[in-house]
Amino acid sequence: MSIRKPRQQLISPLELRALRKTTGLSIKNAAVALGVGYRTLEAYELGEVPAPKLVITMLQVLAAKRQAMITGRRKDMLDFLGQPFDVSL
């Protein structure tokens, strides 16, 4: 049996909640969009469990997509390395 190392927290629970709010999604709708349970997302936001990098990245993509829709600028949907990616959901 292997002993798992605890996952390191990449962003604070408050930062995660703020990021989710920038997507314009409620916690329930964000959980559905991310493919996680409502209680799981709530645990991430309360700091009970560190959020996985994938969840953080997906929220960043959703926030960028919302910003691009608001501003009407497709260039806002570039990823963090400057490479275009498909954000259609």
N, C-alpha and C. Protein backbone atom coordinates (compact mmCIF):
# COMPACT_ATOMS: atom_id res chain seq x y z
N MET A 1 0.84 -1.18 0.00
CA MET A 1 0.00 0.00 0.00
C MET A 1 0.89 1.24 0.00
N SER A 2 0.59 2.17 -0.89
CA SER A 2 1.37 3.41 -0.96
C SER A 2 0.69 4.50 -0.16
N ILE A 3 1.50 5.36 0.38
CA ILE A 3 0.97 6.50 1.13
C ILE A 3 0.97 7.69 0.20
N ARG A 4 -0.19 8.30 0.05
CA ARG A 4 -0.32 9.45 -0.84
C ARG A 4 0.16 10.71 -0.16
N LYS A 5 0.88 11.49 -0.90
CA LYS A 5 1.32 12.79 -0.43
C LYS A 5 0.15 13.76 -0.59
N PRO A 6 -0.13 14.58 0.43
CA PRO A 6 -1.24 15.53 0.29
C PRO A 6 -1.00 16.48 -0.88
N ARG A 7 -2.08 16.79 -1.58
CA ARG A 7 -2.00 17.69 -2.73
C ARG A 7 -1.74 19.11 -2.25
N GLN A 8 -0.84 19.79 -2.93
CA GLN A 8 -0.50 21.17 -2.59
C GLN A 8 -1.58 22.11 -3.12
N GLN A 9 -1.90 23.10 -2.32
CA GLN A 9 -2.90 24.08 -2.72
C GLN A 9 -2.28 25.07 -3.70
N LEU A 10 -2.83 25.15 -4.93
CA LEU A 10 -2.27 26.01 -5.97
C LEU A 10 -2.75 27.45 -5.86
N ILE A 11 -4.01 27.63 -5.46
CA ILE A 11 -4.54 28.97 -5.18
C ILE A 11 -5.37 28.88 -3.91
N SER A 12 -5.58 30.00 -3.27
CA SER A 12 -6.35 29.99 -2.02
C SER A 12 -7.82 29.74 -2.32
N PRO A 13 -8.55 29.26 -1.32
CA PRO A 13 -10.00 29.07 -1.51
C PRO A 13 -10.71 30.37 -1.90
N LEU A 14 -10.28 31.49 -1.35
CA LEU A 14 -10.90 32.78 -1.70
C LEU A 14 -10.62 33.14 -3.15
N GLU A 15 -9.41 32.86 -3.63
CA GLU A 15 -9.07 33.12 -5.02
C GLU A 15 -9.89 32.22 -5.95
N LEU A 16 -10.09 30.97 -5.53
CA LEU A 16 -10.88 30.04 -6.34
C LEU A 16 -12.33 30.52 -6.44
N ARG A 17 -12.88 30.95 -5.32
CA ARG A 17 -14.26 31.45 -5.32
C ARG A 17 -14.36 32.70 -6.20
N ALA A 18 -13.40 33.59 -6.08
CA ALA A 18 -13.41 34.81 -6.91
C ALA A 18 -13.31 34.45 -8.39
N LEU A 19 -12.47 33.48 -8.72
CA LEU A 19 -12.34 33.04 -10.11
C LEU A 19 -13.66 32.47 -10.61
N ARG A 20 -14.31 31.65 -9.79
CA ARG A 20 -15.61 31.09 -10.19
C ARG A 20 -16.62 32.20 -10.41
N LYS A 21 -16.61 33.20 -9.55
CA LYS A 21 -17.57 34.30 -9.69
C LYS A 21 -17.33 35.10 -10.96
N THR A 22 -16.07 35.19 -11.42
CA THR A 22 -15.80 35.91 -12.66
C THR A 22 -16.36 35.18 -13.87
N THR A 23 -16.66 33.90 -13.73
CA THR A 23 -17.28 33.15 -14.83
C THR A 23 -18.75 33.50 -14.94
N GLY A 24 -19.32 34.10 -13.89
CA GLY A 24 -20.74 34.42 -13.89
C GLY A 24 -21.61 33.24 -13.52
N LEU A 25 -20.99 32.12 -13.11
CA LEU A 25 -21.74 30.92 -12.79
C LEU A 25 -21.97 30.78 -11.29
N SER A 26 -23.14 30.29 -10.93
CA SER A 26 -23.38 29.94 -9.54
C SER A 26 -22.53 28.72 -9.21
N ILE A 27 -22.41 28.42 -7.95
CA ILE A 27 -21.60 27.25 -7.57
C ILE A 27 -22.21 25.96 -8.15
N LYS A 28 -23.52 25.89 -8.20
CA LYS A 28 -24.17 24.69 -8.75
C LYS A 28 -23.93 24.58 -10.26
N ASN A 29 -24.09 25.69 -10.98
CA ASN A 29 -23.86 25.65 -12.43
C ASN A 29 -22.39 25.42 -12.76
N ALA A 30 -21.50 26.00 -11.96
CA ALA A 30 -20.06 25.78 -12.19
C ALA A 30 -19.71 24.31 -11.97
N ALA A 31 -20.29 23.71 -10.96
CA ALA A 31 -20.03 22.29 -10.69
C ALA A 31 -20.45 21.43 -11.89
N VAL A 32 -21.59 21.74 -12.45
CA VAL A 32 -22.06 21.00 -13.63
C VAL A 32 -21.10 21.22 -14.80
N ALA A 33 -20.71 22.47 -15.05
CA ALA A 33 -19.81 22.78 -16.16
C ALA A 33 -18.45 22.10 -16.00
N LEU A 34 -18.00 21.97 -14.75
CA LEU A 34 -16.69 21.36 -14.48
C LEU A 34 -16.75 19.84 -14.38
N GLY A 35 -17.96 19.30 -14.27
CA GLY A 35 -18.10 17.85 -14.15
C GLY A 35 -17.75 17.33 -12.77
N VAL A 36 -17.96 18.18 -11.76
CA VAL A 36 -17.74 17.75 -10.38
C VAL A 36 -19.04 17.95 -9.61
N GLY A 37 -19.13 17.33 -8.47
CA GLY A 37 -20.31 17.49 -7.64
C GLY A 37 -20.34 18.86 -6.98
N TYR A 38 -21.54 19.31 -6.67
CA TYR A 38 -21.71 20.60 -5.99
C TYR A 38 -20.92 20.62 -4.69
N ARG A 39 -21.04 19.56 -3.92
CA ARG A 39 -20.36 19.49 -2.62
C ARG A 39 -18.83 19.48 -2.79
N THR A 40 -18.36 18.87 -3.86
CA THR A 40 -16.91 18.83 -4.13
C THR A 40 -16.40 20.25 -4.40
N LEU A 41 -17.09 20.98 -5.26
CA LEU A 41 -16.68 22.35 -5.56
C LEU A 41 -16.77 23.22 -4.31
N GLU A 42 -17.79 22.99 -3.53
CA GLU A 42 -17.93 23.72 -2.28
C GLU A 42 -16.75 23.43 -1.35
N ALA A 43 -16.32 22.18 -1.30
CA ALA A 43 -15.17 21.81 -0.46
C ALA A 43 -13.90 22.50 -0.93
N TYR A 44 -13.73 22.64 -2.25
CA TYR A 44 -12.59 23.37 -2.80
C TYR A 44 -12.64 24.82 -2.35
N GLU A 45 -13.81 25.44 -2.45
CA GLU A 45 -13.96 26.86 -2.12
C GLU A 45 -13.86 27.13 -0.62
N LEU A 46 -14.15 26.12 0.19
CA LEU A 46 -14.04 26.28 1.64
C LEU A 46 -12.65 25.92 2.15
N GLY A 47 -11.81 25.40 1.27
CA GLY A 47 -10.46 25.03 1.66
C GLY A 47 -10.37 23.69 2.35
N GLU A 48 -11.44 22.90 2.29
CA GLU A 48 -11.42 21.58 2.91
C GLU A 48 -10.55 20.62 2.12
N VAL A 49 -10.52 20.82 0.81
CA VAL A 49 -9.74 19.99 -0.11
C VAL A 49 -9.11 20.92 -1.15
N PRO A 50 -7.82 20.75 -1.44
CA PRO A 50 -7.22 21.59 -2.49
C PRO A 50 -7.84 21.29 -3.86
N ALA A 51 -8.10 22.33 -4.62
CA ALA A 51 -8.66 22.17 -5.96
C ALA A 51 -7.59 21.64 -6.91
N PRO A 52 -7.93 20.64 -7.74
CA PRO A 52 -6.97 20.15 -8.72
C PRO A 52 -6.65 21.21 -9.77
N LYS A 53 -5.48 21.11 -10.35
CA LYS A 53 -5.05 22.07 -11.36
C LYS A 53 -6.04 22.12 -12.52
N LEU A 54 -6.60 20.98 -12.91
CA LEU A 54 -7.54 20.94 -14.02
C LEU A 54 -8.78 21.80 -13.74
N VAL A 55 -9.29 21.74 -12.53
CA VAL A 55 -10.46 22.54 -12.16
C VAL A 55 -10.12 24.03 -12.24
N ILE A 56 -8.95 24.40 -11.74
CA ILE A 56 -8.52 25.80 -11.78
C ILE A 56 -8.39 26.26 -13.23
N THR A 57 -7.75 25.44 -14.05
CA THR A 57 -7.55 25.79 -15.47
C THR A 57 -8.88 25.92 -16.19
N MET A 58 -9.80 25.01 -15.92
CA MET A 58 -11.12 25.07 -16.57
C MET A 58 -11.86 26.34 -16.17
N LEU A 59 -11.77 26.73 -14.91
CA LEU A 59 -12.40 27.98 -14.48
C LEU A 59 -11.75 29.18 -15.17
N GLN A 60 -10.43 29.13 -15.35
CA GLN A 60 -9.74 30.22 -16.05
C GLN A 60 -10.22 30.31 -17.49
N VAL A 61 -10.42 29.18 -18.13
CA VAL A 61 -10.91 29.17 -19.51
C VAL A 61 -12.33 29.73 -19.58
N LEU A 62 -13.18 29.31 -18.66
CA LEU A 62 -14.55 29.83 -18.63
C LEU A 62 -14.57 31.33 -18.38
N ALA A 63 -13.69 31.81 -17.50
CA ALA A 63 -13.62 33.24 -17.23
C ALA A 63 -13.13 34.00 -18.47
N ALA A 64 -12.15 33.44 -19.18
CA ALA A 64 -11.65 34.09 -20.40
C ALA A 64 -12.72 34.11 -21.48
N LYS A 65 -13.47 33.04 -21.58
CA LYS A 65 -14.54 32.98 -22.58
C LYS A 65 -15.61 34.03 -22.26
N ARG A 66 -15.96 34.15 -21.00
CA ARG A 66 -16.96 35.16 -20.62
C ARG A 66 -16.45 36.56 -20.92
N GLN A 67 -15.19 36.82 -20.60
CA GLN A 67 -14.61 38.14 -20.87
C GLN A 67 -14.61 38.43 -22.37
N ALA A 68 -14.29 37.43 -23.16
CA ALA A 68 -14.27 37.61 -24.62
C ALA A 68 -15.68 37.88 -25.14
N MET A 69 -16.67 37.22 -24.55
CA MET A 69 -18.06 37.46 -24.98
C MET A 69 -18.49 38.87 -24.61
N ILE A 70 -18.06 39.34 -23.44
CA ILE A 70 -18.43 40.68 -22.98
C ILE A 70 -17.77 41.74 -23.86
N THR A 71 -16.49 41.57 -24.12
CA THR A 71 -15.74 42.58 -24.87
C THR A 71 -15.86 42.40 -26.37
N GLY A 72 -16.26 41.21 -26.80
CA GLY A 72 -16.35 40.92 -28.22
C GLY A 72 -14.98 40.76 -28.87
N ARG A 73 -13.97 40.51 -28.06
CA ARG A 73 -12.61 40.37 -28.58
C ARG A 73 -12.15 38.93 -28.46
N ARG A 74 -11.99 38.28 -29.60
CA ARG A 74 -11.56 36.89 -29.61
C ARG A 74 -10.13 36.73 -29.07
N LYS A 75 -9.31 37.78 -29.20
CA LYS A 75 -7.94 37.66 -28.72
C LYS A 75 -7.88 37.44 -27.21
N ASP A 76 -8.98 37.78 -26.49
CA ASP A 76 -9.03 37.53 -25.06
C ASP A 76 -9.07 36.03 -24.75
N MET A 77 -9.29 35.21 -25.76
CA MET A 77 -9.39 33.78 -25.53
C MET A 77 -8.10 33.05 -25.84
N LEU A 78 -6.98 33.74 -25.75
CA LEU A 78 -5.69 33.07 -25.91
C LEU A 78 -5.33 32.41 -24.59
N ASP A 79 -4.63 31.30 -24.70
CA ASP A 79 -4.25 30.65 -23.45
C ASP A 79 -3.08 31.38 -22.81
N PHE A 80 -2.61 30.88 -21.70
CA PHE A 80 -1.63 31.58 -20.90
C PHE A 80 -0.24 31.56 -21.52
N LEU A 81 -0.01 30.76 -22.52
CA LEU A 81 1.27 30.74 -23.22
C LEU A 81 1.20 31.51 -24.53
N GLY A 82 0.05 32.07 -24.83
CA GLY A 82 -0.12 32.84 -26.05
C GLY A 82 -0.51 32.00 -27.25
N GLN A 83 -0.82 30.74 -27.05
CA GLN A 83 -1.24 29.86 -28.14
C GLN A 83 -2.77 29.82 -28.18
N PRO A 84 -3.38 29.96 -29.37
CA PRO A 84 -4.84 29.89 -29.44
C PRO A 84 -5.33 28.50 -29.08
N PHE A 85 -6.49 28.44 -28.47
CA PHE A 85 -7.09 27.16 -28.18
C PHE A 85 -8.60 27.27 -28.35
N ASP A 86 -9.23 26.14 -28.50
CA ASP A 86 -10.68 26.11 -28.72
C ASP A 86 -11.38 26.13 -27.37
N VAL A 87 -12.17 27.17 -27.12
CA VAL A 87 -12.87 27.27 -25.86
C VAL A 87 -14.36 27.00 -26.01
N SER A 88 -14.77 26.46 -27.16
CA SER A 88 -16.18 26.15 -27.32
C SER A 88 -16.54 25.00 -26.39
N LEU A 89 -17.64 25.15 -25.71
CA LEU A 89 -18.06 24.13 -24.72
C LEU A 89 -19.28 23.41 -25.18
